């Protein structure tokens, strides 16, 4: 069995994180077709500020996804 780490680049911060085997330091956001590191996901638990993440807005729009904003005007993670 090959235990070589599987690395992904976080869509939010562009850092690499391990996503298997034995360590899963991020998550797939399937509804948006992206991978994010645990740090970015947790740091934005109450929403993503659109003004600071234009790349995410562009990506979502290219996929025909209208981001859902919460009461603070931030983008909620999909459920």
PDB file of N, CA and C in Angstrom:
ATOM      1  N   UNK A   1       0.834  -1.179   0.000  1.00  0.00           N
ATOM      2  CA  UNK A   1       0.000   0.000   0.000  1.00  0.00           C
ATOM      3  C   UNK A   1       0.876   1.239   0.000  1.00  0.00           C
ATOM      4  N   UNK A   2       0.531   2.196  -0.855  1.00  0.00           N
ATOM      5  CA  UNK A   2       1.306   3.421  -0.981  1.00  0.00           C
ATOM      6  C   UNK A   2       0.765   4.469  -0.009  1.00  0.00           C
ATOM      7  N   UNK A   3       1.597   4.904   0.928  1.00  0.00           N
ATOM      8  CA  UNK A   3       1.177   5.905   1.911  1.00  0.00           C
ATOM      9  C   UNK A   3       1.674   7.301   1.551  1.00  0.00           C
ATOM     10  N   UNK A   4       1.965   7.514   0.283  1.00  0.00           N
ATOM     11  CA  UNK A   4       2.421   8.823  -0.161  1.00  0.00           C
ATOM     12  C   UNK A   4       1.290   9.834   0.033  1.00  0.00           C
ATOM     13  N   UNK A   5       1.580  10.989   0.653  1.00  0.00           N
ATOM     14  CA  UNK A   5       0.539  11.977   0.895  1.00  0.00           C
ATOM     15  C   UNK A   5      -0.087  12.484  -0.412  1.00  0.00           C
ATOM     16  N   UNK A   6      -1.378  12.700  -0.354  1.00  0.00           N
ATOM     17  CA  UNK A   6      -2.095  13.299  -1.471  1.00  0.00           C
ATOM     18  C   UNK A   6      -2.269  14.768  -1.121  1.00  0.00           C
ATOM     19  N   UNK A   7      -1.731  15.639  -1.961  1.00  0.00           N
ATOM     20  CA  UNK A   7      -1.743  17.070  -1.681  1.00  0.00           C
ATOM     21  C   UNK A   7      -2.693  17.800  -2.622  1.00  0.00           C
ATOM     22  N   UNK A   8      -3.388  18.771  -2.063  1.00  0.00           N
ATOM     23  CA  UNK A   8      -4.269  19.650  -2.825  1.00  0.00           C
ATOM     24  C   UNK A   8      -3.893  21.081  -2.508  1.00  0.00           C
ATOM     25  N   UNK A   9      -4.260  21.984  -3.394  1.00  0.00           N
ATOM     26  CA  UNK A   9      -4.057  23.403  -3.162  1.00  0.00           C
ATOM     27  C   UNK A   9      -5.377  23.998  -2.694  1.00  0.00           C
ATOM     28  N   UNK A  10      -5.345  24.735  -1.602  1.00  0.00           N
ATOM     29  CA  UNK A  10      -6.534  25.391  -1.077  1.00  0.00           C
ATOM     30  C   UNK A  10      -6.972  26.482  -2.049  1.00  0.00           C
ATOM     31  N   UNK A  11      -8.244  26.458  -2.416  1.00  0.00           N
ATOM     32  CA  UNK A  11      -8.765  27.454  -3.347  1.00  0.00           C
ATOM     33  C   UNK A  11      -8.751  28.850  -2.738  1.00  0.00           C
ATOM     34  N   UNK A  12      -8.873  28.953  -1.426  1.00  0.00           N
ATOM     35  CA  UNK A  12      -8.942  30.258  -0.759  1.00  0.00           C
ATOM     36  C   UNK A  12      -7.555  30.872  -0.561  1.00  0.00           C
ATOM     37  N   UNK A  13      -6.615  30.125   0.019  1.00  0.00           N
ATOM     38  CA  UNK A  13      -5.306  30.699   0.369  1.00  0.00           C
ATOM     39  C   UNK A  13      -4.150  30.219  -0.520  1.00  0.00           C
ATOM     40  N   UNK A  14      -4.419  29.268  -1.386  1.00  0.00           N
ATOM     41  CA  UNK A  14      -3.412  28.713  -2.302  1.00  0.00           C
ATOM     42  C   UNK A  14      -2.318  27.886  -1.638  1.00  0.00           C
ATOM     43  N   UNK A  15      -2.437  27.592  -0.350  1.00  0.00           N
ATOM     44  CA  UNK A  15      -1.426  26.740   0.279  1.00  0.00           C
ATOM     45  C   UNK A  15      -1.779  25.279   0.032  1.00  0.00           C
ATOM     46  N   UNK A  16      -0.764  24.420   0.097  1.00  0.00           N
ATOM     47  CA  UNK A  16      -1.000  22.991  -0.078  1.00  0.00           C
ATOM     48  C   UNK A  16      -1.375  22.361   1.256  1.00  0.00           C
ATOM     49  N   UNK A  17      -2.250  21.376   1.179  1.00  0.00           N
ATOM     50  CA  UNK A  17      -2.612  20.627   2.371  1.00  0.00           C
ATOM     51  C   UNK A  17      -2.776  19.164   2.013  1.00  0.00           C
ATOM     52  N   UNK A  18      -2.549  18.321   3.007  1.00  0.00           N
ATOM     53  CA  UNK A  18      -2.667  16.877   2.805  1.00  0.00           C
ATOM     54  C   UNK A  18      -4.123  16.464   2.945  1.00  0.00           C
ATOM     55  N   UNK A  19      -4.549  15.608   1.999  1.00  0.00           N
ATOM     56  CA  UNK A  19      -5.910  15.078   2.027  1.00  0.00           C
ATOM     57  C   UNK A  19      -5.837  13.581   1.766  1.00  0.00           C
ATOM     58  N   UNK A  20      -5.194  12.888   2.695  1.00  0.00           N
ATOM     59  CA  UNK A  20      -5.067  11.445   2.632  1.00  0.00           C
ATOM     60  C   UNK A  20      -3.651  11.038   2.299  1.00  0.00           C
ATOM     61  N   UNK A  21      -3.312   9.816   2.546  1.00  0.00           N
ATOM     62  CA  UNK A  21      -3.950   8.958   3.530  1.00  0.00           C
ATOM     63  C   UNK A  21      -3.550   9.369   4.943  1.00  0.00           C
ATOM     64  N   UNK A  22      -4.325   8.990   5.899  1.00  0.00           N
ATOM     65  CA  UNK A  22      -4.093   9.143   7.339  1.00  0.00           C
ATOM     66  C   UNK A  22      -4.247  10.561   7.870  1.00  0.00           C
ATOM     67  N   UNK A  23      -4.228  11.568   7.020  1.00  0.00           N
ATOM     68  CA  UNK A  23      -4.413  12.954   7.464  1.00  0.00           C
ATOM     69  C   UNK A  23      -5.290  13.665   6.444  1.00  0.00           C
ATOM     70  N   UNK A  24      -6.319  14.303   6.936  1.00  0.00           N
ATOM     71  CA  UNK A  24      -7.259  15.016   6.071  1.00  0.00           C
ATOM     72  C   UNK A  24      -7.375  16.434   6.604  1.00  0.00           C
ATOM     73  N   UNK A  25      -6.515  17.302   6.063  1.00  0.00           N
ATOM     74  CA  UNK A  25      -6.376  18.669   6.565  1.00  0.00           C
ATOM     75  C   UNK A  25      -7.147  19.674   5.721  1.00  0.00           C
ATOM     76  N   UNK A  26      -8.259  19.244   5.191  1.00  0.00           N
ATOM     77  CA  UNK A  26      -9.101  20.115   4.383  1.00  0.00           C
ATOM     78  C   UNK A  26     -10.388  19.397   4.059  1.00  0.00           C
ATOM     79  N   UNK A  27     -11.112  19.947   3.120  1.00  0.00           N
ATOM     80  CA  UNK A  27     -12.372  19.326   2.718  1.00  0.00           C
ATOM     81  C   UNK A  27     -12.726  19.726   1.307  1.00  0.00           C
ATOM     82  N   UNK A  28     -13.496  18.864   0.682  1.00  0.00           N
ATOM     83  CA  UNK A  28     -14.037  19.165  -0.638  1.00  0.00           C
ATOM     84  C   UNK A  28     -15.334  19.939  -0.436  1.00  0.00           C
ATOM     85  N   UNK A  29     -15.491  21.001  -1.188  1.00  0.00           N
ATOM     86  CA  UNK A  29     -16.757  21.726  -1.219  1.00  0.00           C
ATOM     87  C   UNK A  29     -17.346  21.381  -2.585  1.00  0.00           C
ATOM     88  N   UNK A  30     -18.003  20.235  -2.620  1.00  0.00           N
ATOM     89  CA  UNK A  30     -18.480  19.680  -3.886  1.00  0.00           C
ATOM     90  C   UNK A  30     -19.430  20.605  -4.631  1.00  0.00           C
ATOM     91  N   UNK A  31     -20.275  21.299  -3.919  1.00  0.00           N
ATOM     92  CA  UNK A  31     -21.242  22.196  -4.568  1.00  0.00           C
ATOM     93  C   UNK A  31     -20.544  23.306  -5.348  1.00  0.00           C
ATOM     94  N   UNK A  32     -19.339  23.652  -4.942  1.00  0.00           N
ATOM     95  CA  UNK A  32     -18.579  24.701  -5.621  1.00  0.00           C
ATOM     96  C   UNK A  32     -17.429  24.145  -6.458  1.00  0.00           C
ATOM     97  N   UNK A  33     -17.200  22.839  -6.398  1.00  0.00           N
ATOM     98  CA  UNK A  33     -16.120  22.188  -7.128  1.00  0.00           C
ATOM     99  C   UNK A  33     -14.748  22.744  -6.741  1.00  0.00           C
ATOM    100  N   UNK A  34     -14.521  22.857  -5.419  1.00  0.00           N
ATOM    101  CA  UNK A  34     -13.233  23.341  -4.908  1.00  0.00           C
ATOM    102  C   UNK A  34     -12.808  22.499  -3.710  1.00  0.00           C
ATOM    103  N   UNK A  35     -11.533  22.626  -3.363  1.00  0.00           N
ATOM    104  CA  UNK A  35     -10.975  22.054  -2.145  1.00  0.00           C
ATOM    105  C   UNK A  35     -10.469  23.222  -1.301  1.00  0.00           C
ATOM    106  N   UNK A  36     -10.703  23.146   0.019  1.00  0.00           N
ATOM    107  CA  UNK A  36     -10.208  24.186   0.928  1.00  0.00           C
ATOM    108  C   UNK A  36      -9.527  23.535   2.123  1.00  0.00           C
ATOM    109  N   UNK A  37      -8.522  24.206   2.641  1.00  0.00           N
ATOM    110  CA  UNK A  37      -7.830  23.692   3.820  1.00  0.00           C
ATOM    111  C   UNK A  37      -8.699  23.926   5.059  1.00  0.00           C
ATOM    112  N   UNK A  38      -8.440  23.159   6.081  1.00  0.00           N
ATOM    113  CA  UNK A  38      -9.188  23.267   7.324  1.00  0.00           C
ATOM    114  C   UNK A  38      -9.043  24.654   7.936  1.00  0.00           C
ATOM    115  N   UNK A  39      -7.870  25.242   7.832  1.00  0.00           N
ATOM    116  CA  UNK A  39      -7.640  26.570   8.400  1.00  0.00           C
ATOM    117  C   UNK A  39      -8.566  27.597   7.766  1.00  0.00           C
ATOM    118  N   UNK A  40      -8.659  27.603   6.440  1.00  0.00           N
ATOM    119  CA  UNK A  40      -9.537  28.571   5.759  1.00  0.00           C
ATOM    120  C   UNK A  40     -11.006  28.293   6.051  1.00  0.00           C
ATOM    121  N   UNK A  41     -11.370  27.030   6.076  1.00  0.00           N
ATOM    122  CA  UNK A  41     -12.760  26.696   6.349  1.00  0.00           C
ATOM    123  C   UNK A  41     -13.157  27.167   7.746  1.00  0.00           C
ATOM    124  N   UNK A  42     -12.318  26.868   8.719  1.00  0.00           N
ATOM    125  CA  UNK A  42     -12.625  27.254  10.100  1.00  0.00           C
ATOM    126  C   UNK A  42     -12.548  28.766  10.308  1.00  0.00           C
ATOM    127  N   UNK A  43     -11.592  29.423   9.666  1.00  0.00           N
ATOM    128  CA  UNK A  43     -11.445  30.871   9.821  1.00  0.00           C
ATOM    129  C   UNK A  43     -12.615  31.627   9.202  1.00  0.00           C
ATOM    130  N   UNK A  44     -13.323  30.990   8.277  1.00  0.00           N
ATOM    131  CA  UNK A  44     -14.463  31.617   7.609  1.00  0.00           C
ATOM    132  C   UNK A  44     -15.768  30.910   7.953  1.00  0.00           C
ATOM    133  N   UNK A  45     -15.829  30.353   9.154  1.00  0.00           N
ATOM    134  CA  UNK A  45     -17.006  29.578   9.561  1.00  0.00           C
ATOM    135  C   UNK A  45     -18.289  30.398   9.523  1.00  0.00           C
ATOM    136  N   UNK A  46     -18.167  31.707   9.709  1.00  0.00           N
ATOM    137  CA  UNK A  46     -19.350  32.565   9.726  1.00  0.00           C
ATOM    138  C   UNK A  46     -19.598  33.243   8.373  1.00  0.00           C
ATOM    139  N   UNK A  47     -18.849  32.826   7.355  1.00  0.00           N
ATOM    140  CA  UNK A  47     -19.029  33.341   6.003  1.00  0.00           C
ATOM    141  C   UNK A  47     -17.739  33.881   5.423  1.00  0.00           C
ATOM    142  N   UNK A  48     -17.729  33.978   4.110  1.00  0.00           N
ATOM    143  CA  UNK A  48     -16.560  34.454   3.376  1.00  0.00           C
ATOM    144  C   UNK A  48     -16.847  35.867   2.886  1.00  0.00           C
ATOM    145  N   UNK A  49     -15.958  36.797   3.198  1.00  0.00           N
ATOM    146  CA  UNK A  49     -16.148  38.190   2.803  1.00  0.00           C
ATOM    147  C   UNK A  49     -15.916  38.302   1.294  1.00  0.00           C
ATOM    148  N   UNK A  50     -16.965  38.619   0.540  1.00  0.00           N
ATOM    149  CA  UNK A  50     -16.830  38.647  -0.928  1.00  0.00           C
ATOM    150  C   UNK A  50     -15.759  39.609  -1.431  1.00  0.00           C
ATOM    151  N   UNK A  51     -15.627  40.757  -0.795  1.00  0.00           N
ATOM    152  CA  UNK A  51     -14.675  41.773  -1.263  1.00  0.00           C
ATOM    153  C   UNK A  51     -13.233  41.291  -1.218  1.00  0.00           C
ATOM    154  N   UNK A  52     -12.931  40.332  -0.365  1.00  0.00           N
ATOM    155  CA  UNK A  52     -11.555  39.856  -0.250  1.00  0.00           C
ATOM    156  C   UNK A  52     -11.309  38.557  -1.023  1.00  0.00           C
ATOM    157  N   UNK A  53     -12.337  38.042  -1.677  1.00  0.00           N
ATOM    158  CA  UNK A  53     -12.187  36.773  -2.390  1.00  0.00           C
ATOM    159  C   UNK A  53     -12.826  36.835  -3.778  1.00  0.00           C
ATOM    160  N   UNK A  54     -12.349  37.777  -4.577  1.00  0.00           N
ATOM    161  CA  UNK A  54     -12.875  37.956  -5.931  1.00  0.00           C
ATOM    162  C   UNK A  54     -12.692  36.694  -6.775  1.00  0.00           C
ATOM    163  N   UNK A  55     -11.593  36.000  -6.570  1.00  0.00           N
ATOM    164  CA  UNK A  55     -11.347  34.766  -7.329  1.00  0.00           C
ATOM    165  C   UNK A  55     -12.464  33.749  -7.082  1.00  0.00           C
ATOM    166  N   UNK A  56     -12.926  33.643  -5.848  1.00  0.00           N
ATOM    167  CA  UNK A  56     -14.030  32.734  -5.539  1.00  0.00           C
ATOM    168  C   UNK A  56     -15.302  33.189  -6.239  1.00  0.00           C
ATOM    169  N   UNK A  57     -15.592  34.482  -6.183  1.00  0.00           N
ATOM    170  CA  UNK A  57     -16.779  35.000  -6.873  1.00  0.00           C
ATOM    171  C   UNK A  57     -16.726  34.695  -8.365  1.00  0.00           C
ATOM    172  N   UNK A  58     -15.572  34.924  -8.972  1.00  0.00           N
ATOM    173  CA  UNK A  58     -15.416  34.647 -10.405  1.00  0.00           C
ATOM    174  C   UNK A  58     -15.625  33.162 -10.699  1.00  0.00           C
ATOM    175  N   UNK A  59     -15.072  32.312  -9.849  1.00  0.00           N
ATOM    176  CA  UNK A  59     -15.217  30.862 -10.027  1.00  0.00           C
ATOM    177  C   UNK A  59     -16.684  30.446  -9.936  1.00  0.00           C
ATOM    178  N   UNK A  60     -17.363  30.945  -8.912  1.00  0.00           N
ATOM    179  CA  UNK A  60     -18.769  30.583  -8.739  1.00  0.00           C
ATOM    180  C   UNK A  60     -19.604  31.057  -9.923  1.00  0.00           C
ATOM    181  N   UNK A  61     -19.374  32.257 -10.358  1.00  0.00           N
ATOM    182  CA  UNK A  61     -20.138  32.784 -11.502  1.00  0.00           C
ATOM    183  C   UNK A  61     -19.845  31.999 -12.773  1.00  0.00           C
ATOM    184  N   UNK A  62     -18.597  31.551 -12.941  1.00  0.00           N
ATOM    185  CA  UNK A  62     -18.251  30.765 -14.130  1.00  0.00           C
ATOM    186  C   UNK A  62     -18.973  29.421 -14.130  1.00  0.00           C
ATOM    187  N   UNK A  63     -19.357  28.957 -12.948  1.00  0.00           N
ATOM    188  CA  UNK A  63     -20.088  27.696 -12.811  1.00  0.00           C
ATOM    189  C   UNK A  63     -21.599  27.925 -12.781  1.00  0.00           C
ATOM    190  N   UNK A  64     -22.015  29.179 -12.908  1.00  0.00           N
ATOM    191  CA  UNK A  64     -23.441  29.493 -12.872  1.00  0.00           C
ATOM    192  C   UNK A  64     -24.030  29.433 -11.475  1.00  0.00           C
ATOM    193  N   UNK A  65     -23.179  29.623 -10.459  1.00  0.00           N
ATOM    194  CA  UNK A  65     -23.619  29.555  -9.066  1.00  0.00           C
ATOM    195  C   UNK A  65     -23.736  30.979  -8.521  1.00  0.00           C
ATOM    196  N   UNK A  66     -24.909  31.304  -8.022  1.00  0.00           N
ATOM    197  CA  UNK A  66     -25.099  32.602  -7.368  1.00  0.00           C
ATOM    198  C   UNK A  66     -24.836  32.399  -5.879  1.00  0.00           C
ATOM    199  N   UNK A  67     -23.795  33.048  -5.337  1.00  0.00           N
ATOM    200  CA  UNK A  67     -23.472  32.839  -3.924  1.00  0.00           C
ATOM    201  C   UNK A  67     -24.597  33.338  -3.019  1.00  0.00           C
ATOM    202  N   UNK A  68     -24.887  32.579  -1.974  1.00  0.00           N
ATOM    203  CA  UNK A  68     -25.892  32.964  -0.992  1.00  0.00           C
ATOM    204  C   UNK A  68     -25.221  33.786   0.105  1.00  0.00           C
ATOM    205  N   UNK A  69     -25.737  34.982   0.324  1.00  0.00           N
ATOM    206  CA  UNK A  69     -25.178  35.867   1.340  1.00  0.00           C
ATOM    207  C   UNK A  69     -25.979  35.752   2.625  1.00  0.00           C
ATOM    208  N   UNK A  70     -25.270  35.824   3.740  1.00  0.00           N
ATOM    209  CA  UNK A  70     -25.939  35.788   5.033  1.00  0.00           C
ATOM    210  C   UNK A  70     -26.285  37.215   5.477  1.00  0.00           C
ATOM    211  N   UNK A  71     -26.765  37.370   6.699  1.00  0.00           N
ATOM    212  CA  UNK A  71     -27.189  38.675   7.203  1.00  0.00           C
ATOM    213  C   UNK A  71     -26.040  39.690   7.246  1.00  0.00           C
ATOM    214  N   UNK A  72     -24.802  39.203   7.338  1.00  0.00           N
ATOM    215  CA  UNK A  72     -23.633  40.091   7.347  1.00  0.00           C
ATOM    216  C   UNK A  72     -23.183  40.469   5.949  1.00  0.00           C
ATOM    217  N   UNK A  73     -23.799  39.865   4.930  1.00  0.00           N
ATOM    218  CA  UNK A  73     -23.400  40.131   3.551  1.00  0.00           C
ATOM    219  C   UNK A  73     -22.245  39.260   3.098  1.00  0.00           C
ATOM    220  N   UNK A  74     -21.970  38.213   3.853  1.00  0.00           N
ATOM    221  CA  UNK A  74     -20.881  37.305   3.535  1.00  0.00           C
ATOM    222  C   UNK A  74     -21.431  36.052   2.876  1.00  0.00           C
ATOM    223  N   UNK A  75     -20.581  35.356   2.140  1.00  0.00           N
ATOM    224  CA  UNK A  75     -20.975  34.145   1.439  1.00  0.00           C
ATOM    225  C   UNK A  75     -20.986  32.973   2.407  1.00  0.00           C
ATOM    226  N   UNK A  76     -22.129  32.321   2.524  1.00  0.00           N
ATOM    227  CA  UNK A  76     -22.223  31.126   3.371  1.00  0.00           C
ATOM    228  C   UNK A  76     -21.667  29.922   2.631  1.00  0.00           C
ATOM    229  N   UNK A  77     -20.998  29.051   3.379  1.00  0.00           N
ATOM    230  CA  UNK A  77     -20.574  27.763   2.814  1.00  0.00           C
ATOM    231  C   UNK A  77     -21.825  26.959   2.466  1.00  0.00           C
ATOM    232  N   UNK A  78     -21.793  26.224   1.382  1.00  0.00           N
ATOM    233  CA  UNK A  78     -22.951  25.383   1.079  1.00  0.00           C
ATOM    234  C   UNK A  78     -23.087  24.245   2.090  1.00  0.00           C
ATOM    235  N   UNK A  79     -24.299  23.796   2.286  1.00  0.00           N
ATOM    236  CA  UNK A  79     -24.547  22.710   3.247  1.00  0.00           C
ATOM    237  C   UNK A  79     -24.635  21.404   2.517  1.00  0.00           C
TER     238      UNK A  79
END
